[in-house]
């Protein structure tokens, strides 16, 4: 897998599907044959992992974290975020 560059996905209204691995050894976003994979060190309790994913994804996209909305997968590893 190679490191993802996501600036080209930052169009308003774009939906970004990804698979999340919480409690990982590092925070990272990787592009693989199955799509985007996001690794966060945060535990999946009380929305902490979702917040960490939003922050990491926003940094990779070059947008503010408030510019991303979780539209699917609040309690799932498969998530979809929309760029506002």
PDB file of N, CA and C in Angstrom:
ATOM      1  N   UNK A   1       0.837  -1.184   0.000  1.00  0.00           N
ATOM      2  CA  UNK A   1       0.000   0.000   0.000  1.00  0.00           C
ATOM      3  C   UNK A   1       0.877   1.239   0.000  1.00  0.00           C
ATOM      4  N   UNK A   2       0.413   2.278  -0.689  1.00  0.00           N
ATOM      5  CA  UNK A   2       1.172   3.512  -0.671  1.00  0.00           C
ATOM      6  C   UNK A   2       0.386   4.593   0.043  1.00  0.00           C
ATOM      7  N   UNK A   3       1.108   5.575   0.516  1.00  0.00           N
ATOM      8  CA  UNK A   3       0.481   6.671   1.242  1.00  0.00           C
ATOM      9  C   UNK A   3      -0.446   7.456   0.318  1.00  0.00           C
ATOM     10  N   UNK A   4      -1.610   7.806   0.807  1.00  0.00           N
ATOM     11  CA  UNK A   4      -2.621   8.467  -0.017  1.00  0.00           C
ATOM     12  C   UNK A   4      -2.402   9.974  -0.047  1.00  0.00           C
ATOM     13  N   UNK A   5      -2.556  10.561  -1.222  1.00  0.00           N
ATOM     14  CA  UNK A   5      -2.636  12.006  -1.370  1.00  0.00           C
ATOM     15  C   UNK A   5      -4.073  12.290  -1.782  1.00  0.00           C
ATOM     16  N   UNK A   6      -4.776  13.031  -0.959  1.00  0.00           N
ATOM     17  CA  UNK A   6      -6.223  13.134  -1.104  1.00  0.00           C
ATOM     18  C   UNK A   6      -6.733  14.506  -1.514  1.00  0.00           C
ATOM     19  N   UNK A   7      -5.875  15.435  -1.802  1.00  0.00           N
ATOM     20  CA  UNK A   7      -6.318  16.790  -2.129  1.00  0.00           C
ATOM     21  C   UNK A   7      -7.282  16.784  -3.315  1.00  0.00           C
ATOM     22  N   UNK A   8      -7.078  15.888  -4.267  1.00  0.00           N
ATOM     23  CA  UNK A   8      -7.950  15.821  -5.447  1.00  0.00           C
ATOM     24  C   UNK A   8      -9.374  15.368  -5.109  1.00  0.00           C
ATOM     25  N   UNK A   9      -9.592  14.821  -3.913  1.00  0.00           N
ATOM     26  CA  UNK A   9     -10.927  14.371  -3.497  1.00  0.00           C
ATOM     27  C   UNK A   9     -11.714  15.439  -2.743  1.00  0.00           C
ATOM     28  N   UNK A  10     -11.119  16.596  -2.530  1.00  0.00           N
ATOM     29  CA  UNK A  10     -11.714  17.615  -1.662  1.00  0.00           C
ATOM     30  C   UNK A  10     -12.759  18.491  -2.346  1.00  0.00           C
ATOM     31  N   UNK A  11     -13.450  18.001  -3.347  1.00  0.00           N
ATOM     32  CA  UNK A  11     -14.493  18.778  -4.013  1.00  0.00           C
ATOM     33  C   UNK A  11     -15.755  18.815  -3.144  1.00  0.00           C
ATOM     34  N   UNK A  12     -16.395  19.977  -3.004  1.00  0.00           N
ATOM     35  CA  UNK A  12     -17.625  20.057  -2.218  1.00  0.00           C
ATOM     36  C   UNK A  12     -18.681  19.073  -2.737  1.00  0.00           C
ATOM     37  N   UNK A  13     -19.282  18.330  -1.814  1.00  0.00           N
ATOM     38  CA  UNK A  13     -20.305  17.353  -2.171  1.00  0.00           C
ATOM     39  C   UNK A  13     -19.748  15.965  -2.429  1.00  0.00           C
ATOM     40  N   UNK A  14     -18.434  15.825  -2.521  1.00  0.00           N
ATOM     41  CA  UNK A  14     -17.822  14.511  -2.766  1.00  0.00           C
ATOM     42  C   UNK A  14     -17.999  13.616  -1.549  1.00  0.00           C
ATOM     43  N   UNK A  15     -18.275  12.344  -1.803  1.00  0.00           N
ATOM     44  CA  UNK A  15     -18.376  11.365  -0.717  1.00  0.00           C
ATOM     45  C   UNK A  15     -17.165  10.455  -0.775  1.00  0.00           C
ATOM     46  N   UNK A  16     -16.554  10.249   0.379  1.00  0.00           N
ATOM     47  CA  UNK A  16     -15.333   9.466   0.473  1.00  0.00           C
ATOM     48  C   UNK A  16     -15.593   8.247   1.349  1.00  0.00           C
ATOM     49  N   UNK A  17     -15.512   7.064   0.746  1.00  0.00           N
ATOM     50  CA  UNK A  17     -15.714   5.813   1.469  1.00  0.00           C
ATOM     51  C   UNK A  17     -14.360   5.315   1.949  1.00  0.00           C
ATOM     52  N   UNK A  18     -14.327   4.796   3.171  1.00  0.00           N
ATOM     53  CA  UNK A  18     -13.084   4.283   3.724  1.00  0.00           C
ATOM     54  C   UNK A  18     -13.349   3.196   4.746  1.00  0.00           C
ATOM     55  N   UNK A  19     -12.297   2.451   5.055  1.00  0.00           N
ATOM     56  CA  UNK A  19     -12.356   1.412   6.079  1.00  0.00           C
ATOM     57  C   UNK A  19     -11.423   1.842   7.202  1.00  0.00           C
ATOM     58  N   UNK A  20     -11.937   1.810   8.433  1.00  0.00           N
ATOM     59  CA  UNK A  20     -11.200   2.297   9.594  1.00  0.00           C
ATOM     60  C   UNK A  20     -10.707   1.144  10.448  1.00  0.00           C
ATOM     61  N   UNK A  21      -9.468   1.268  10.916  1.00  0.00           N
ATOM     62  CA  UNK A  21      -8.901   0.334  11.883  1.00  0.00           C
ATOM     63  C   UNK A  21      -8.583   1.130  13.144  1.00  0.00           C
ATOM     64  N   UNK A  22      -9.437   1.012  14.180  1.00  0.00           N
ATOM     65  CA  UNK A  22      -9.152   1.710  15.441  1.00  0.00           C
ATOM     66  C   UNK A  22      -8.110   0.937  16.249  1.00  0.00           C
ATOM     67  N   UNK A  23      -7.551   1.582  17.258  1.00  0.00           N
ATOM     68  CA  UNK A  23      -6.540   0.983  18.133  1.00  0.00           C
ATOM     69  C   UNK A  23      -5.351   0.460  17.341  1.00  0.00           C
ATOM     70  N   UNK A  24      -4.994   1.160  16.273  1.00  0.00           N
ATOM     71  CA  UNK A  24      -3.840   0.777  15.463  1.00  0.00           C
ATOM     72  C   UNK A  24      -2.559   1.275  16.142  1.00  0.00           C
ATOM     73  N   UNK A  25      -1.429   0.871  15.621  1.00  0.00           N
ATOM     74  CA  UNK A  25      -0.151   1.292  16.202  1.00  0.00           C
ATOM     75  C   UNK A  25       0.257   2.687  15.739  1.00  0.00           C
ATOM     76  N   UNK A  26      -0.431   3.221  14.702  1.00  0.00           N
ATOM     77  CA  UNK A  26      -0.082   4.534  14.174  1.00  0.00           C
ATOM     78  C   UNK A  26      -1.313   5.193  13.565  1.00  0.00           C
ATOM     79  N   UNK A  27      -1.249   6.497  13.382  1.00  0.00           N
ATOM     80  CA  UNK A  27      -2.276   7.229  12.642  1.00  0.00           C
ATOM     81  C   UNK A  27      -1.796   7.341  11.206  1.00  0.00           C
ATOM     82  N   UNK A  28      -2.578   6.817  10.260  1.00  0.00           N
ATOM     83  CA  UNK A  28      -2.159   6.852   8.860  1.00  0.00           C
ATOM     84  C   UNK A  28      -3.349   6.663   7.942  1.00  0.00           C
ATOM     85  N   UNK A  29      -3.215   7.159   6.708  1.00  0.00           N
ATOM     86  CA  UNK A  29      -4.183   6.919   5.644  1.00  0.00           C
ATOM     87  C   UNK A  29      -3.413   6.285   4.503  1.00  0.00           C
ATOM     88  N   UNK A  30      -3.918   5.158   4.023  1.00  0.00           N
ATOM     89  CA  UNK A  30      -3.251   4.466   2.925  1.00  0.00           C
ATOM     90  C   UNK A  30      -4.249   4.137   1.828  1.00  0.00           C
ATOM     91  N   UNK A  31      -3.765   4.218   0.594  1.00  0.00           N
ATOM     92  CA  UNK A  31      -4.574   3.855  -0.578  1.00  0.00           C
ATOM     93  C   UNK A  31      -4.130   2.460  -0.996  1.00  0.00           C
ATOM     94  N   UNK A  32      -5.064   1.529  -1.005  1.00  0.00           N
ATOM     95  CA  UNK A  32      -4.750   0.177  -1.417  1.00  0.00           C
ATOM     96  C   UNK A  32      -5.673  -0.280  -2.528  1.00  0.00           C
ATOM     97  N   UNK A  33      -5.555  -1.535  -2.927  1.00  0.00           N
ATOM     98  CA  UNK A  33      -6.398  -2.044  -4.006  1.00  0.00           C
ATOM     99  C   UNK A  33      -7.888  -2.067  -3.635  1.00  0.00           C
ATOM    100  N   UNK A  34      -8.184  -2.092  -2.345  1.00  0.00           N
ATOM    101  CA  UNK A  34      -9.575  -2.123  -1.879  1.00  0.00           C
ATOM    102  C   UNK A  34     -10.101  -0.742  -1.525  1.00  0.00           C
ATOM    103  N   UNK A  35      -9.335   0.323  -1.793  1.00  0.00           N
ATOM    104  CA  UNK A  35      -9.773   1.670  -1.481  1.00  0.00           C
ATOM    105  C   UNK A  35      -8.984   2.264  -0.326  1.00  0.00           C
ATOM    106  N   UNK A  36      -9.545   3.300   0.293  1.00  0.00           N
ATOM    107  CA  UNK A  36      -8.857   3.985   1.385  1.00  0.00           C
ATOM    108  C   UNK A  36      -8.968   3.207   2.682  1.00  0.00           C
ATOM    109  N   UNK A  37      -7.861   3.141   3.398  1.00  0.00           N
ATOM    110  CA  UNK A  37      -7.827   2.557   4.739  1.00  0.00           C
ATOM    111  C   UNK A  37      -7.261   3.611   5.671  1.00  0.00           C
ATOM    112  N   UNK A  38      -7.955   3.809   6.790  1.00  0.00           N
ATOM    113  CA  UNK A  38      -7.518   4.792   7.780  1.00  0.00           C
ATOM    114  C   UNK A  38      -7.219   4.055   9.074  1.00  0.00           C
ATOM    115  N   UNK A  39      -6.032   4.318   9.613  1.00  0.00           N
ATOM    116  CA  UNK A  39      -5.609   3.712  10.867  1.00  0.00           C
ATOM    117  C   UNK A  39      -5.514   4.811  11.911  1.00  0.00           C
ATOM    118  N   UNK A  40      -6.174   4.609  13.058  1.00  0.00           N
ATOM    119  CA  UNK A  40      -6.099   5.579  14.154  1.00  0.00           C
ATOM    120  C   UNK A  40      -5.759   4.843  15.445  1.00  0.00           C
ATOM    121  N   UNK A  41      -5.014   5.517  16.315  1.00  0.00           N
ATOM    122  CA  UNK A  41      -4.607   4.898  17.574  1.00  0.00           C
ATOM    123  C   UNK A  41      -5.706   4.981  18.640  1.00  0.00           C
ATOM    124  N   UNK A  42      -6.737   5.744  18.380  1.00  0.00           N
ATOM    125  CA  UNK A  42      -7.820   5.986  19.329  1.00  0.00           C
ATOM    126  C   UNK A  42      -8.739   4.775  19.466  1.00  0.00           C
ATOM    127  N   UNK A  43      -9.305   4.611  20.658  1.00  0.00           N
ATOM    128  CA  UNK A  43     -10.257   3.529  20.893  1.00  0.00           C
ATOM    129  C   UNK A  43     -11.639   3.916  20.363  1.00  0.00           C
ATOM    130  N   UNK A  44     -12.415   2.934  19.906  1.00  0.00           N
ATOM    131  CA  UNK A  44     -13.749   3.243  19.362  1.00  0.00           C
ATOM    132  C   UNK A  44     -14.812   3.355  20.459  1.00  0.00           C
ATOM    133  N   UNK A  45     -14.654   4.327  21.339  1.00  0.00           N
ATOM    134  CA  UNK A  45     -15.609   4.526  22.433  1.00  0.00           C
ATOM    135  C   UNK A  45     -16.100   5.963  22.426  1.00  0.00           C
ATOM    136  N   UNK A  46     -17.386   6.142  22.478  1.00  0.00           N
ATOM    137  CA  UNK A  46     -17.970   7.478  22.588  1.00  0.00           C
ATOM    138  C   UNK A  46     -17.653   8.397  21.428  1.00  0.00           C
ATOM    139  N   UNK A  47     -17.427   7.834  20.254  1.00  0.00           N
ATOM    140  CA  UNK A  47     -17.158   8.655  19.085  1.00  0.00           C
ATOM    141  C   UNK A  47     -15.727   9.167  18.974  1.00  0.00           C
ATOM    142  N   UNK A  48     -14.839   8.714  19.863  1.00  0.00           N
ATOM    143  CA  UNK A  48     -13.451   9.193  19.840  1.00  0.00           C
ATOM    144  C   UNK A  48     -12.738   8.797  18.555  1.00  0.00           C
ATOM    145  N   UNK A  49     -12.932   7.570  18.097  1.00  0.00           N
ATOM    146  CA  UNK A  49     -12.273   7.120  16.866  1.00  0.00           C
ATOM    147  C   UNK A  49     -12.814   7.894  15.661  1.00  0.00           C
ATOM    148  N   UNK A  50     -14.130   8.146  15.624  1.00  0.00           N
ATOM    149  CA  UNK A  50     -14.704   8.924  14.520  1.00  0.00           C
ATOM    150  C   UNK A  50     -14.113  10.326  14.477  1.00  0.00           C
ATOM    151  N   UNK A  51     -13.923  10.931  15.639  1.00  0.00           N
ATOM    152  CA  UNK A  51     -13.338  12.271  15.702  1.00  0.00           C
ATOM    153  C   UNK A  51     -11.893  12.245  15.209  1.00  0.00           C
ATOM    154  N   UNK A  52     -11.152  11.211  15.578  1.00  0.00           N
ATOM    155  CA  UNK A  52      -9.763  11.086  15.139  1.00  0.00           C
ATOM    156  C   UNK A  52      -9.691  10.868  13.633  1.00  0.00           C
ATOM    157  N   UNK A  53     -10.600  10.063  13.090  1.00  0.00           N
ATOM    158  CA  UNK A  53     -10.641   9.827  11.642  1.00  0.00           C
ATOM    159  C   UNK A  53     -10.975  11.121  10.914  1.00  0.00           C
ATOM    160  N   UNK A  54     -11.957  11.860  11.413  1.00  0.00           N
ATOM    161  CA  UNK A  54     -12.350  13.133  10.792  1.00  0.00           C
ATOM    162  C   UNK A  54     -11.164  14.094  10.757  1.00  0.00           C
ATOM    163  N   UNK A  55     -10.433  14.202  11.867  1.00  0.00           N
ATOM    164  CA  UNK A  55      -9.299  15.121  11.959  1.00  0.00           C
ATOM    165  C   UNK A  55      -8.183  14.706  10.988  1.00  0.00           C
ATOM    166  N   UNK A  56      -7.873  13.418  10.946  1.00  0.00           N
ATOM    167  CA  UNK A  56      -6.811  12.913  10.068  1.00  0.00           C
ATOM    168  C   UNK A  56      -7.189  13.073   8.598  1.00  0.00           C
ATOM    169  N   UNK A  57      -8.437  12.745   8.270  1.00  0.00           N
ATOM    170  CA  UNK A  57      -8.914  12.866   6.895  1.00  0.00           C
ATOM    171  C   UNK A  57      -8.946  14.331   6.455  1.00  0.00           C
ATOM    172  N   UNK A  58      -9.388  15.221   7.340  1.00  0.00           N
ATOM    173  CA  UNK A  58      -9.436  16.651   7.018  1.00  0.00           C
ATOM    174  C   UNK A  58      -8.042  17.180   6.725  1.00  0.00           C
ATOM    175  N   UNK A  59      -7.057  16.759   7.504  1.00  0.00           N
ATOM    176  CA  UNK A  59      -5.681  17.204   7.275  1.00  0.00           C
ATOM    177  C   UNK A  59      -5.189  16.717   5.907  1.00  0.00           C
ATOM    178  N   UNK A  60      -5.497  15.474   5.546  1.00  0.00           N
ATOM    179  CA  UNK A  60      -5.065  14.916   4.256  1.00  0.00           C
ATOM    180  C   UNK A  60      -5.763  15.602   3.080  1.00  0.00           C
ATOM    181  N   UNK A  61      -7.012  16.035   3.289  1.00  0.00           N
ATOM    182  CA  UNK A  61      -7.774  16.692   2.228  1.00  0.00           C
ATOM    183  C   UNK A  61      -7.477  18.181   2.123  1.00  0.00           C
ATOM    184  N   UNK A  62      -6.917  18.755   3.184  1.00  0.00           N
ATOM    185  CA  UNK A  62      -6.668  20.189   3.195  1.00  0.00           C
ATOM    186  C   UNK A  62      -7.907  20.996   3.495  1.00  0.00           C
ATOM    187  N   UNK A  63      -8.841  20.429   4.270  1.00  0.00           N
ATOM    188  CA  UNK A  63     -10.057  21.136   4.672  1.00  0.00           C
ATOM    189  C   UNK A  63     -10.140  21.145   6.203  1.00  0.00           C
ATOM    190  N   UNK A  64     -11.038  21.959   6.730  1.00  0.00           N
ATOM    191  CA  UNK A  64     -11.254  21.992   8.177  1.00  0.00           C
ATOM    192  C   UNK A  64     -12.037  20.746   8.593  1.00  0.00           C
ATOM    193  N   UNK A  65     -11.787  20.219   9.795  1.00  0.00           N
ATOM    194  CA  UNK A  65     -12.552  19.053  10.260  1.00  0.00           C
ATOM    195  C   UNK A  65     -14.061  19.283  10.247  1.00  0.00           C
ATOM    196  N   UNK A  66     -14.487  20.531  10.453  1.00  0.00           N
ATOM    197  CA  UNK A  66     -15.915  20.840  10.422  1.00  0.00           C
ATOM    198  C   UNK A  66     -16.471  20.778   9.002  1.00  0.00           C
ATOM    199  N   UNK A  67     -15.591  20.711   8.010  1.00  0.00           N
ATOM    200  CA  UNK A  67     -16.007  20.608   6.615  1.00  0.00           C
ATOM    201  C   UNK A  67     -16.271  19.183   6.169  1.00  0.00           C
ATOM    202  N   UNK A  68     -16.192  18.237   7.099  1.00  0.00           N
ATOM    203  CA  UNK A  68     -16.478  16.831   6.799  1.00  0.00           C
ATOM    204  C   UNK A  68     -17.652  16.360   7.639  1.00  0.00           C
ATOM    205  N   UNK A  69     -18.588  15.665   6.994  1.00  0.00           N
ATOM    206  CA  UNK A  69     -19.754  15.118   7.688  1.00  0.00           C
ATOM    207  C   UNK A  69     -19.764  13.612   7.520  1.00  0.00           C
ATOM    208  N   UNK A  70     -19.907  12.899   8.631  1.00  0.00           N
ATOM    209  CA  UNK A  70     -20.026  11.445   8.578  1.00  0.00           C
ATOM    210  C   UNK A  70     -21.451  11.115   8.156  1.00  0.00           C
ATOM    211  N   UNK A  71     -21.622  10.519   6.981  1.00  0.00           N
ATOM    212  CA  UNK A  71     -22.967  10.241   6.477  1.00  0.00           C
ATOM    213  C   UNK A  71     -23.372   8.772   6.656  1.00  0.00           C
ATOM    214  N   UNK A  72     -22.412   7.882   6.743  1.00  0.00           N
ATOM    215  CA  UNK A  72     -22.712   6.459   6.952  1.00  0.00           C
ATOM    216  C   UNK A  72     -21.625   5.807   7.785  1.00  0.00           C
ATOM    217  N   UNK A  73     -22.017   4.900   8.678  1.00  0.00           N
ATOM    218  CA  UNK A  73     -21.064   4.071   9.386  1.00  0.00           C
ATOM    219  C   UNK A  73     -20.602   4.580  10.727  1.00  0.00           C
ATOM    220  N   UNK A  74     -21.481   5.240  11.463  1.00  0.00           N
ATOM    221  CA  UNK A  74     -21.077   5.787  12.755  1.00  0.00           C
ATOM    222  C   UNK A  74     -20.495   4.720  13.682  1.00  0.00           C
ATOM    223  N   UNK A  75     -21.065   3.507  13.678  1.00  0.00           N
ATOM    224  CA  UNK A  75     -20.576   2.442  14.548  1.00  0.00           C
ATOM    225  C   UNK A  75     -19.938   1.303  13.765  1.00  0.00           C
ATOM    226  N   UNK A  76     -19.658   1.526  12.511  1.00  0.00           N
ATOM    227  CA  UNK A  76     -19.081   0.497  11.643  1.00  0.00           C
ATOM    228  C   UNK A  76     -17.654   0.858  11.263  1.00  0.00           C
ATOM    229  N   UNK A  77     -16.882  -0.120  10.826  1.00  0.00           N
ATOM    230  CA  UNK A  77     -15.540   0.149  10.316  1.00  0.00           C
ATOM    231  C   UNK A  77     -15.605   0.757   8.916  1.00  0.00           C
ATOM    232  N   UNK A  78     -16.691   0.473   8.193  1.00  0.00           N
ATOM    233  CA  UNK A  78     -16.891   1.030   6.860  1.00  0.00           C
ATOM    234  C   UNK A  78     -17.618   2.363   7.020  1.00  0.00           C
ATOM    235  N   UNK A  79     -16.966   3.452   6.639  1.00  0.00           N
ATOM    236  CA  UNK A  79     -17.539   4.784   6.844  1.00  0.00           C
ATOM    237  C   UNK A  79     -17.559   5.563   5.533  1.00  0.00           C
ATOM    238  N   UNK A  80     -18.472   6.514   5.453  1.00  0.00           N
ATOM    239  CA  UNK A  80     -18.525   7.425   4.317  1.00  0.00           C
ATOM    240  C   UNK A  80     -18.622   8.843   4.862  1.00  0.00           C
ATOM    241  N   UNK A  81     -17.677   9.691   4.431  1.00  0.00           N
ATOM    242  CA  UNK A  81     -17.678  11.100   4.795  1.00  0.00           C
ATOM    243  C   UNK A  81     -18.005  11.929   3.573  1.00  0.00           C
ATOM    244  N   UNK A  82     -18.721  13.035   3.778  1.00  0.00           N
ATOM    245  CA  UNK A  82     -19.027  13.972   2.699  1.00  0.00           C
ATOM    246  C   UNK A  82     -18.275  15.274   2.957  1.00  0.00           C
ATOM    247  N   UNK A  83     -17.689  15.806   1.891  1.00  0.00           N
ATOM    248  CA  UNK A  83     -16.992  17.097   1.973  1.00  0.00           C
ATOM    249  C   UNK A  83     -18.056  18.185   1.802  1.00  0.00           C
ATOM    250  N   UNK A  84     -18.121  19.097   2.744  1.00  0.00           N
ATOM    251  CA  UNK A  84     -19.122  20.174   2.713  1.00  0.00           C
ATOM    252  C   UNK A  84     -18.567  21.407   2.019  1.00  0.00           C
TER     253      UNK A  84
END
